[in-house]
C-alpha cells in the first residue's frame, strides 16, 4: 500500500502535471493534422517533446519541493529510506511516461483512421525509443532535484545540457583532426542521453560496436535498450548516494 501511495503521489503532486500531458498530446495531434508527417518526422517530434522536454516538465521539484518545504522529514519514516523514496519517484515518472506514450499512440492511430492520411509505420517503435530517452532524462532530473531547491532542477539541467553540449560540439569541431576529438565525440555520443543513438536506431542506422552487450551478437534493439537503461541507472546512482547522506530540516526553507 505504501508503494501505491508513493507512486500515486508522483502522478498528483502538482496540479499542472496532467495539464502538461494534455498540452503535449494536443501538440502531437496538431502536428499530425497539419503536416501528416512520415515516421521519421513524427519520431523526431516525439524525441524532442516527449523524450526530452516532457520529463523535465514532469520532474520539476520531484524531490526538491519536499526538501524545501520540510515535508521530507515526514515522508522519510521507517521503514522508508531515502534510496527507496528516490526509486519510487523515478519509477512513478517512468510509469507516467509509459502511459503518456501509450495515449499518444492511441490518439495518432485514431487520427490515422479518421483522416486516412499520414503513416503509422514503426509508430510503436518510435514510442518505445522515446520512452527510453524519457527515462534517461527523468533519472538525470531526479538526481539533480536532490541538489537543487524546489523546481529549479529542470531549468538547471536544461541550461547545463545546452551549455556543455555546445562546448563539446565546438571542441569536437576544432579538434576533429586529433585523437582527443574522437574521444570527446565518443563521450558526447555514448555518455550523454542517447538522443543520437536512439534516433539513428529508429531511422535504421546502426553503430553498436561501443555499446553494452554489443559483443554478444544480440538483436540491435536489445543492445540499444540495454545501453539506454544502463545510462538511466548511472544517472540515478549519484542522486541515490547523495540523498542517503543528506541531513534534512523540518522547517520550511
C-alpha atoms as a PDB file:
ATOM      1  CA  UNK A   1       0.000   0.000   0.000  1.00  0.00           C
ATOM      2  CA  UNK A   2       2.840   2.401   0.805  1.00  0.00           C
ATOM      3  CA  UNK A   3       4.333   1.759  -2.637  1.00  0.00           C
ATOM      4  CA  UNK A   4       0.986   2.538  -4.291  1.00  0.00           C
ATOM      5  CA  UNK A   5       0.632   5.793  -2.339  1.00  0.00           C
ATOM      6  CA  UNK A   6       4.141   6.906  -3.294  1.00  0.00           C
ATOM      7  CA  UNK A   7       3.552   6.182  -6.973  1.00  0.00           C
ATOM      8  CA  UNK A   8       0.170   7.924  -6.925  1.00  0.00           C
ATOM      9  CA  UNK A   9       1.730  10.952  -5.255  1.00  0.00           C
ATOM     10  CA  UNK A  10       4.210  11.233  -8.117  1.00  0.00           C
ATOM     11  CA  UNK A  11       1.280  11.499 -10.523  1.00  0.00           C
ATOM     12  CA  UNK A  12      -0.709  14.040  -8.499  1.00  0.00           C
ATOM     13  CA  UNK A  13       1.899  16.014  -6.568  1.00  0.00           C
ATOM     14  CA  UNK A  14       1.309  19.144  -8.675  1.00  0.00           C
ATOM     15  CA  UNK A  15      -1.854  20.399 -10.332  1.00  0.00           C
ATOM     16  CA  UNK A  16      -0.189  21.228 -13.625  1.00  0.00           C
ATOM     17  CA  UNK A  17       1.138  17.700 -14.293  1.00  0.00           C
ATOM     18  CA  UNK A  18      -1.916  16.452 -16.138  1.00  0.00           C
ATOM     19  CA  UNK A  19      -2.250  19.798 -17.910  1.00  0.00           C
ATOM     20  CA  UNK A  20       1.249  19.156 -19.292  1.00  0.00           C
ATOM     21  CA  UNK A  21       0.171  15.738 -20.568  1.00  0.00           C
ATOM     22  CA  UNK A  22      -2.893  17.200 -22.291  1.00  0.00           C
ATOM     23  CA  UNK A  23      -0.901  20.032 -23.887  1.00  0.00           C
ATOM     24  CA  UNK A  24       1.735  17.611 -25.188  1.00  0.00           C
ATOM     25  CA  UNK A  25      -0.922  15.285 -26.645  1.00  0.00           C
ATOM     26  CA  UNK A  26      -2.621  18.272 -28.286  1.00  0.00           C
ATOM     27  CA  UNK A  27       0.737  19.219 -29.815  1.00  0.00           C
ATOM     28  CA  UNK A  28       1.093  15.732 -31.333  1.00  0.00           C
ATOM     29  CA  UNK A  29      -2.421  15.998 -32.773  1.00  0.00           C
ATOM     30  CA  UNK A  30      -1.781  19.460 -34.226  1.00  0.00           C
ATOM     31  CA  UNK A  31       1.487  18.371 -35.818  1.00  0.00           C
ATOM     32  CA  UNK A  32      -0.141  15.301 -37.338  1.00  0.00           C
ATOM     33  CA  UNK A  33      -3.206  17.191 -38.547  1.00  0.00           C
ATOM     34  CA  UNK A  34      -1.198  19.975 -40.192  1.00  0.00           C
ATOM     35  CA  UNK A  35       1.695  18.036 -41.721  1.00  0.00           C
ATOM     36  CA  UNK A  36       0.713  14.351 -41.997  1.00  0.00           C
ATOM     37  CA  UNK A  37       4.336  13.502 -41.168  1.00  0.00           C
ATOM     38  CA  UNK A  38       6.273  10.417 -42.181  1.00  0.00           C
ATOM     39  CA  UNK A  39       7.533   8.121 -39.376  1.00  0.00           C
ATOM     40  CA  UNK A  40      10.946   9.815 -39.134  1.00  0.00           C
ATOM     41  CA  UNK A  41       9.429  13.300 -38.837  1.00  0.00           C
ATOM     42  CA  UNK A  42       6.931  12.275 -36.197  1.00  0.00           C
ATOM     43  CA  UNK A  43       9.632  10.294 -34.387  1.00  0.00           C
ATOM     44  CA  UNK A  44      11.704  13.483 -34.239  1.00  0.00           C
ATOM     45  CA  UNK A  45       8.785  15.331 -32.626  1.00  0.00           C
ATOM     46  CA  UNK A  46       8.315  12.533 -30.089  1.00  0.00           C
ATOM     47  CA  UNK A  47      12.008  12.667 -29.241  1.00  0.00           C
ATOM     48  CA  UNK A  48      12.061  16.432 -28.734  1.00  0.00           C
ATOM     49  CA  UNK A  49       8.751  16.894 -26.928  1.00  0.00           C
ATOM     50  CA  UNK A  50       8.126  13.523 -25.299  1.00  0.00           C
ATOM     51  CA  UNK A  51      11.605  12.141 -24.726  1.00  0.00           C
ATOM     52  CA  UNK A  52      13.400  15.366 -23.782  1.00  0.00           C
ATOM     53  CA  UNK A  53      11.100  18.207 -22.687  1.00  0.00           C
ATOM     54  CA  UNK A  54       8.317  16.143 -21.085  1.00  0.00           C
ATOM     55  CA  UNK A  55      10.468  14.514 -18.351  1.00  0.00           C
ATOM     56  CA  UNK A  56      11.926  17.916 -17.473  1.00  0.00           C
ATOM     57  CA  UNK A  57       8.431  19.372 -17.072  1.00  0.00           C
ATOM     58  CA  UNK A  58       7.136  16.429 -15.018  1.00  0.00           C
ATOM     59  CA  UNK A  59      10.174  16.138 -12.731  1.00  0.00           C
ATOM     60  CA  UNK A  60      10.470  19.790 -11.695  1.00  0.00           C
ATOM     61  CA  UNK A  61      10.875  19.722  -7.910  1.00  0.00           C
ATOM     62  CA  UNK A  62      10.306  15.955  -7.778  1.00  0.00           C
ATOM     63  CA  UNK A  63      12.370  15.773  -4.574  1.00  0.00           C
ATOM     64  CA  UNK A  64      13.447  19.395  -4.080  1.00  0.00           C
ATOM     65  CA  UNK A  65       9.892  20.524  -3.239  1.00  0.00           C
ATOM     66  CA  UNK A  66       9.712  18.102  -0.297  1.00  0.00           C
ATOM     67  CA  UNK A  67      13.182  19.114   0.886  1.00  0.00           C
ATOM     68  CA  UNK A  68      12.480  22.867   0.699  1.00  0.00           C
ATOM     69  CA  UNK A  69       9.126  22.571   2.494  1.00  0.00           C
ATOM     70  CA  UNK A  70      10.477  20.317   5.255  1.00  0.00           C
ATOM     71  CA  UNK A  71       7.939  17.637   4.319  1.00  0.00           C
ATOM     72  CA  UNK A  72      10.801  15.271   3.568  1.00  0.00           C
ATOM     73  CA  UNK A  73      11.180  14.651   7.320  1.00  0.00           C
ATOM     74  CA  UNK A  74       7.594  13.385   7.428  1.00  0.00           C
ATOM     75  CA  UNK A  75       7.892  11.279   4.291  1.00  0.00           C
ATOM     76  CA  UNK A  76      11.162   9.606   5.306  1.00  0.00           C
ATOM     77  CA  UNK A  77       9.919   7.497   8.204  1.00  0.00           C
ATOM     78  CA  UNK A  78      10.831   3.911   8.912  1.00  0.00           C
ATOM     79  CA  UNK A  79      10.890   1.606   7.061  1.00  0.00           C
ATOM     80  CA  UNK A  80      11.052   4.038   4.106  1.00  0.00           C
ATOM     81  CA  UNK A  81      14.627   5.021   3.284  1.00  0.00           C
ATOM     82  CA  UNK A  82      15.889   7.824   1.029  1.00  0.00           C
ATOM     83  CA  UNK A  83      17.018   5.381  -1.647  1.00  0.00           C
ATOM     84  CA  UNK A  84      13.587   3.739  -1.672  1.00  0.00           C
ATOM     85  CA  UNK A  85      11.810   7.088  -1.958  1.00  0.00           C
ATOM     86  CA  UNK A  86      14.134   8.080  -4.816  1.00  0.00           C
ATOM     87  CA  UNK A  87      13.387   4.797  -6.617  1.00  0.00           C
ATOM     88  CA  UNK A  88       9.622   5.243  -6.285  1.00  0.00           C
ATOM     89  CA  UNK A  89       9.803   8.834  -7.501  1.00  0.00           C
ATOM     90  CA  UNK A  90      11.771   7.732 -10.578  1.00  0.00           C
ATOM     91  CA  UNK A  91       9.519   4.721 -11.160  1.00  0.00           C
ATOM     92  CA  UNK A  92       6.477   6.998 -10.934  1.00  0.00           C
ATOM     93  CA  UNK A  93       7.946   9.244 -13.621  1.00  0.00           C
ATOM     94  CA  UNK A  94       8.711   6.240 -15.816  1.00  0.00           C
ATOM     95  CA  UNK A  95       5.116   4.991 -15.465  1.00  0.00           C
ATOM     96  CA  UNK A  96       3.834   8.452 -16.356  1.00  0.00           C
ATOM     97  CA  UNK A  97       5.989   8.368 -19.466  1.00  0.00           C
ATOM     98  CA  UNK A  98       4.716   4.917 -20.424  1.00  0.00           C
ATOM     99  CA  UNK A  99       1.084   5.990 -20.015  1.00  0.00           C
ATOM    100  CA  UNK A 100       1.744   9.195 -21.947  1.00  0.00           C
ATOM    101  CA  UNK A 101       3.251   7.406 -24.936  1.00  0.00           C
ATOM    102  CA  UNK A 102       0.504   4.770 -24.876  1.00  0.00           C
ATOM    103  CA  UNK A 103      -2.126   7.518 -25.041  1.00  0.00           C
ATOM    104  CA  UNK A 104      -0.149   9.275 -27.764  1.00  0.00           C
ATOM    105  CA  UNK A 105      -0.122   6.088 -29.831  1.00  0.00           C
ATOM    106  CA  UNK A 106      -3.871   5.611 -29.403  1.00  0.00           C
ATOM    107  CA  UNK A 107      -4.590   9.224 -30.383  1.00  0.00           C
ATOM    108  CA  UNK A 108      -2.435   9.022 -33.510  1.00  0.00           C
ATOM    109  CA  UNK A 109      -3.987   5.719 -34.562  1.00  0.00           C
ATOM    110  CA  UNK A 110      -7.468   7.240 -34.234  1.00  0.00           C
ATOM    111  CA  UNK A 111      -6.353  10.233 -36.309  1.00  0.00           C
ATOM    112  CA  UNK A 112      -4.959   7.889 -38.938  1.00  0.00           C
ATOM    113  CA  UNK A 113      -8.281   6.067 -39.136  1.00  0.00           C
ATOM    114  CA  UNK A 114     -10.252   9.306 -39.361  1.00  0.00           C
ATOM    115  CA  UNK A 115      -8.091  11.189 -41.866  1.00  0.00           C
ATOM    116  CA  UNK A 116      -6.741   8.242 -43.871  1.00  0.00           C
ATOM    117  CA  UNK A 117      -3.560  10.290 -44.260  1.00  0.00           C
ATOM    118  CA  UNK A 118      -0.069  10.058 -42.866  1.00  0.00           C
ATOM    119  CA  UNK A 119       1.760   6.892 -41.904  1.00  0.00           C
ATOM    120  CA  UNK A 120       1.792   4.967 -38.637  1.00  0.00           C
ATOM    121  CA  UNK A 121       4.571   2.670 -39.798  1.00  0.00           C
ATOM    122  CA  UNK A 122       7.004   1.991 -36.946  1.00  0.00           C
ATOM    123  CA  UNK A 123       4.925   4.242 -34.654  1.00  0.00           C
ATOM    124  CA  UNK A 124       5.109   1.775 -31.755  1.00  0.00           C
ATOM    125  CA  UNK A 125       8.878   1.503 -32.189  1.00  0.00           C
ATOM    126  CA  UNK A 126       9.324   5.293 -32.074  1.00  0.00           C
ATOM    127  CA  UNK A 127       7.124   5.494 -28.983  1.00  0.00           C
ATOM    128  CA  UNK A 128       9.281   2.867 -27.263  1.00  0.00           C
ATOM    129  CA  UNK A 129      12.507   4.659 -28.184  1.00  0.00           C
ATOM    130  CA  UNK A 130      11.075   7.942 -26.890  1.00  0.00           C
ATOM    131  CA  UNK A 131      10.203   6.232 -23.597  1.00  0.00           C
ATOM    132  CA  UNK A 132      13.802   5.013 -23.258  1.00  0.00           C
ATOM    133  CA  UNK A 133      15.029   8.575 -23.784  1.00  0.00           C
ATOM    134  CA  UNK A 134      12.392   9.830 -21.333  1.00  0.00           C
ATOM    135  CA  UNK A 135      13.797   7.534 -18.622  1.00  0.00           C
ATOM    136  CA  UNK A 136      17.358   8.804 -19.001  1.00  0.00           C
ATOM    137  CA  UNK A 137      16.248  12.422 -18.610  1.00  0.00           C
ATOM    138  CA  UNK A 138      13.930  11.538 -15.727  1.00  0.00           C
ATOM    139  CA  UNK A 139      16.854   9.906 -13.900  1.00  0.00           C
ATOM    140  CA  UNK A 140      19.102  12.920 -14.508  1.00  0.00           C
ATOM    141  CA  UNK A 141      16.446  15.363 -13.378  1.00  0.00           C
ATOM    142  CA  UNK A 142      15.565  13.360 -10.260  1.00  0.00           C
ATOM    143  CA  UNK A 143      19.237  13.239  -9.281  1.00  0.00           C
ATOM    144  CA  UNK A 144      19.608  16.983  -9.827  1.00  0.00           C
ATOM    145  CA  UNK A 145      16.480  17.570  -7.713  1.00  0.00           C
ATOM    146  CA  UNK A 146      18.382  16.198  -4.718  1.00  0.00           C
ATOM    147  CA  UNK A 147      20.865  19.079  -5.044  1.00  0.00           C
ATOM    148  CA  UNK A 148      18.781  21.951  -6.433  1.00  0.00           C
ATOM    149  CA  UNK A 149      15.988  23.553  -4.432  1.00  0.00           C
ATOM    150  CA  UNK A 150      12.366  23.293  -5.465  1.00  0.00           C
ATOM    151  CA  UNK A 151      11.606  23.172  -9.192  1.00  0.00           C
ATOM    152  CA  UNK A 152      14.854  24.725 -10.363  1.00  0.00           C
ATOM    153  CA  UNK A 153      16.372  21.323 -11.104  1.00  0.00           C
ATOM    154  CA  UNK A 154      14.750  21.102 -14.555  1.00  0.00           C
ATOM    155  CA  UNK A 155      15.908  24.556 -15.603  1.00  0.00           C
ATOM    156  CA  UNK A 156      19.375  23.860 -14.229  1.00  0.00           C
ATOM    157  CA  UNK A 157      19.580  20.617 -16.180  1.00  0.00           C
ATOM    158  CA  UNK A 158      18.351  22.214 -19.409  1.00  0.00           C
ATOM    159  CA  UNK A 159      20.891  25.039 -19.202  1.00  0.00           C
ATOM    160  CA  UNK A 160      23.706  22.636 -18.266  1.00  0.00           C
ATOM    161  CA  UNK A 161      22.894  20.301 -21.172  1.00  0.00           C
ATOM    162  CA  UNK A 162      22.792  23.101 -23.728  1.00  0.00           C
ATOM    163  CA  UNK A 163      25.995  24.678 -22.380  1.00  0.00           C
ATOM    164  CA  UNK A 164      28.066  21.510 -22.007  1.00  0.00           C
ATOM    165  CA  UNK A 165      26.761  20.019 -25.252  1.00  0.00           C
ATOM    166  CA  UNK A 166      27.518  23.231 -27.120  1.00  0.00           C
ATOM    167  CA  UNK A 167      31.043  23.467 -25.717  1.00  0.00           C
ATOM    168  CA  UNK A 168      31.737  19.834 -26.618  1.00  0.00           C
ATOM    169  CA  UNK A 169      30.465  20.348 -30.157  1.00  0.00           C
ATOM    170  CA  UNK A 170      32.799  23.336 -30.587  1.00  0.00           C
ATOM    171  CA  UNK A 171      35.747  21.371 -29.201  1.00  0.00           C
ATOM    172  CA  UNK A 172      34.972  18.378 -31.405  1.00  0.00           C
ATOM    173  CA  UNK A 173      34.864  20.598 -34.492  1.00  0.00           C
ATOM    174  CA  UNK A 174      38.141  22.341 -33.666  1.00  0.00           C
ATOM    175  CA  UNK A 175      39.893  19.099 -32.674  1.00  0.00           C
ATOM    176  CA  UNK A 176      38.431  16.924 -35.438  1.00  0.00           C
ATOM    177  CA  UNK A 177      41.890  16.094 -36.804  1.00  0.00           C
ATOM    178  CA  UNK A 178      43.198  14.962 -33.418  1.00  0.00           C
ATOM    179  CA  UNK A 179      42.613  11.845 -31.353  1.00  0.00           C
ATOM    180  CA  UNK A 180      41.158  13.863 -28.491  1.00  0.00           C
ATOM    181  CA  UNK A 181      38.395  14.996 -30.832  1.00  0.00           C
ATOM    182  CA  UNK A 182      37.320  11.376 -31.313  1.00  0.00           C
ATOM    183  CA  UNK A 183      37.377  10.852 -27.547  1.00  0.00           C
ATOM    184  CA  UNK A 184      35.118  13.853 -26.971  1.00  0.00           C
ATOM    185  CA  UNK A 185      32.829  12.678 -29.760  1.00  0.00           C
ATOM    186  CA  UNK A 186      32.556   9.276 -28.080  1.00  0.00           C
ATOM    187  CA  UNK A 187      31.722  10.902 -24.726  1.00  0.00           C
ATOM    188  CA  UNK A 188      29.012  13.006 -26.334  1.00  0.00           C
ATOM    189  CA  UNK A 189      27.551  10.073 -28.247  1.00  0.00           C
ATOM    190  CA  UNK A 190      27.732   7.297 -25.655  1.00  0.00           C
ATOM    191  CA  UNK A 191      27.835   9.103 -22.297  1.00  0.00           C
ATOM    192  CA  UNK A 192      25.159  11.743 -22.796  1.00  0.00           C
ATOM    193  CA  UNK A 193      21.416  10.942 -23.017  1.00  0.00           C
ATOM    194  CA  UNK A 194      21.100   8.784 -26.153  1.00  0.00           C
ATOM    195  CA  UNK A 195      19.332  11.223 -28.482  1.00  0.00           C
ATOM    196  CA  UNK A 196      21.519  10.411 -31.468  1.00  0.00           C
ATOM    197  CA  UNK A 197      21.806   6.684 -30.811  1.00  0.00           C
ATOM    198  CA  UNK A 198      18.075   6.070 -30.464  1.00  0.00           C
ATOM    199  CA  UNK A 199      17.201   8.362 -33.361  1.00  0.00           C
ATOM    200  CA  UNK A 200      19.656   6.509 -35.584  1.00  0.00           C
ATOM    201  CA  UNK A 201      18.138   3.203 -34.489  1.00  0.00           C
ATOM    202  CA  UNK A 202      14.677   4.452 -35.403  1.00  0.00           C
ATOM    203  CA  UNK A 203      15.983   5.533 -38.810  1.00  0.00           C
ATOM    204  CA  UNK A 204      17.609   2.148 -39.424  1.00  0.00           C
ATOM    205  CA  UNK A 205      21.191   3.349 -38.911  1.00  0.00           C
ATOM    206  CA  UNK A 206      23.330   1.266 -36.569  1.00  0.00           C
ATOM    207  CA  UNK A 207      26.643   1.740 -34.806  1.00  0.00           C
ATOM    208  CA  UNK A 208      26.587  -0.529 -31.776  1.00  0.00           C
ATOM    209  CA  UNK A 209      30.205  -1.665 -31.571  1.00  0.00           C
ATOM    210  CA  UNK A 210      30.892   0.504 -28.498  1.00  0.00           C
ATOM    211  CA  UNK A 211      27.614  -0.240 -26.720  1.00  0.00           C
ATOM    212  CA  UNK A 212      26.925  -2.547 -23.785  1.00  0.00           C
ATOM    213  CA  UNK A 213      26.335  -6.181 -24.911  1.00  0.00           C
ATOM    214  CA  UNK A 214      27.486  -5.326 -28.451  1.00  0.00           C
ATOM    215  CA  UNK A 215      29.925  -8.228 -28.480  1.00  0.00           C
ATOM    216  CA  UNK A 216      27.260 -10.834 -27.673  1.00  0.00           C
ATOM    217  CA  UNK A 217      25.651 -10.617 -31.137  1.00  0.00           C
ATOM    218  CA  UNK A 218      22.224  -9.879 -29.691  1.00  0.00           C
ATOM    219  CA  UNK A 219      19.407  -8.121 -31.596  1.00  0.00           C
ATOM    220  CA  UNK A 220      20.251  -4.471 -32.173  1.00  0.00           C
ATOM    221  CA  UNK A 221      17.146  -3.218 -30.393  1.00  0.00           C
ATOM    222  CA  UNK A 222      18.119  -5.170 -27.268  1.00  0.00           C
ATOM    223  CA  UNK A 223      21.667  -3.763 -27.368  1.00  0.00           C
ATOM    224  CA  UNK A 224      20.444  -0.175 -27.664  1.00  0.00           C
ATOM    225  CA  UNK A 225      17.814  -0.759 -24.971  1.00  0.00           C
ATOM    226  CA  UNK A 226      20.425  -2.164 -22.583  1.00  0.00           C
ATOM    227  CA  UNK A 227      22.685   0.835 -23.189  1.00  0.00           C
ATOM    228  CA  UNK A 228      19.836   3.280 -22.524  1.00  0.00           C
ATOM    229  CA  UNK A 229      18.779   1.505 -19.324  1.00  0.00           C
ATOM    230  CA  UNK A 230      22.395   1.397 -18.138  1.00  0.00           C
ATOM    231  CA  UNK A 231      22.654   5.167 -18.652  1.00  0.00           C
ATOM    232  CA  UNK A 232      19.428   5.567 -16.664  1.00  0.00           C
ATOM    233  CA  UNK A 233      20.913   3.638 -13.729  1.00  0.00           C
ATOM    234  CA  UNK A 234      24.205   5.532 -13.935  1.00  0.00           C
ATOM    235  CA  UNK A 235      22.385   8.884 -13.917  1.00  0.00           C
ATOM    236  CA  UNK A 236      20.257   7.811 -10.945  1.00  0.00           C
ATOM    237  CA  UNK A 237      23.115   6.441  -8.822  1.00  0.00           C
ATOM    238  CA  UNK A 238      24.682   9.792  -7.767  1.00  0.00           C
ATOM    239  CA  UNK A 239      21.276  11.080  -6.712  1.00  0.00           C
ATOM    240  CA  UNK A 240      20.636   7.996  -4.569  1.00  0.00           C
ATOM    241  CA  UNK A 241      24.052   8.172  -2.896  1.00  0.00           C
ATOM    242  CA  UNK A 242      23.813  11.907  -2.155  1.00  0.00           C
ATOM    243  CA  UNK A 243      20.195  11.611  -0.995  1.00  0.00           C
ATOM    244  CA  UNK A 244      21.150   8.929   1.511  1.00  0.00           C
ATOM    245  CA  UNK A 245      23.859  11.143   3.045  1.00  0.00           C
ATOM    246  CA  UNK A 246      21.921  14.414   3.262  1.00  0.00           C
ATOM    247  CA  UNK A 247      20.597  15.855   6.517  1.00  0.00           C
ATOM    248  CA  UNK A 248      17.140  17.407   6.374  1.00  0.00           C
ATOM    249  CA  UNK A 249      15.387  20.064   8.425  1.00  0.00           C
ATOM    250  CA  UNK A 250      11.686  20.004   9.250  1.00  0.00           C
ATOM    251  CA  UNK A 251      11.385  23.787   8.820  1.00  0.00           C
ATOM    252  CA  UNK A 252      10.242  25.307   5.554  1.00  0.00           C
ATOM    253  CA  UNK A 253      13.060  26.795   3.502  1.00  0.00           C
END
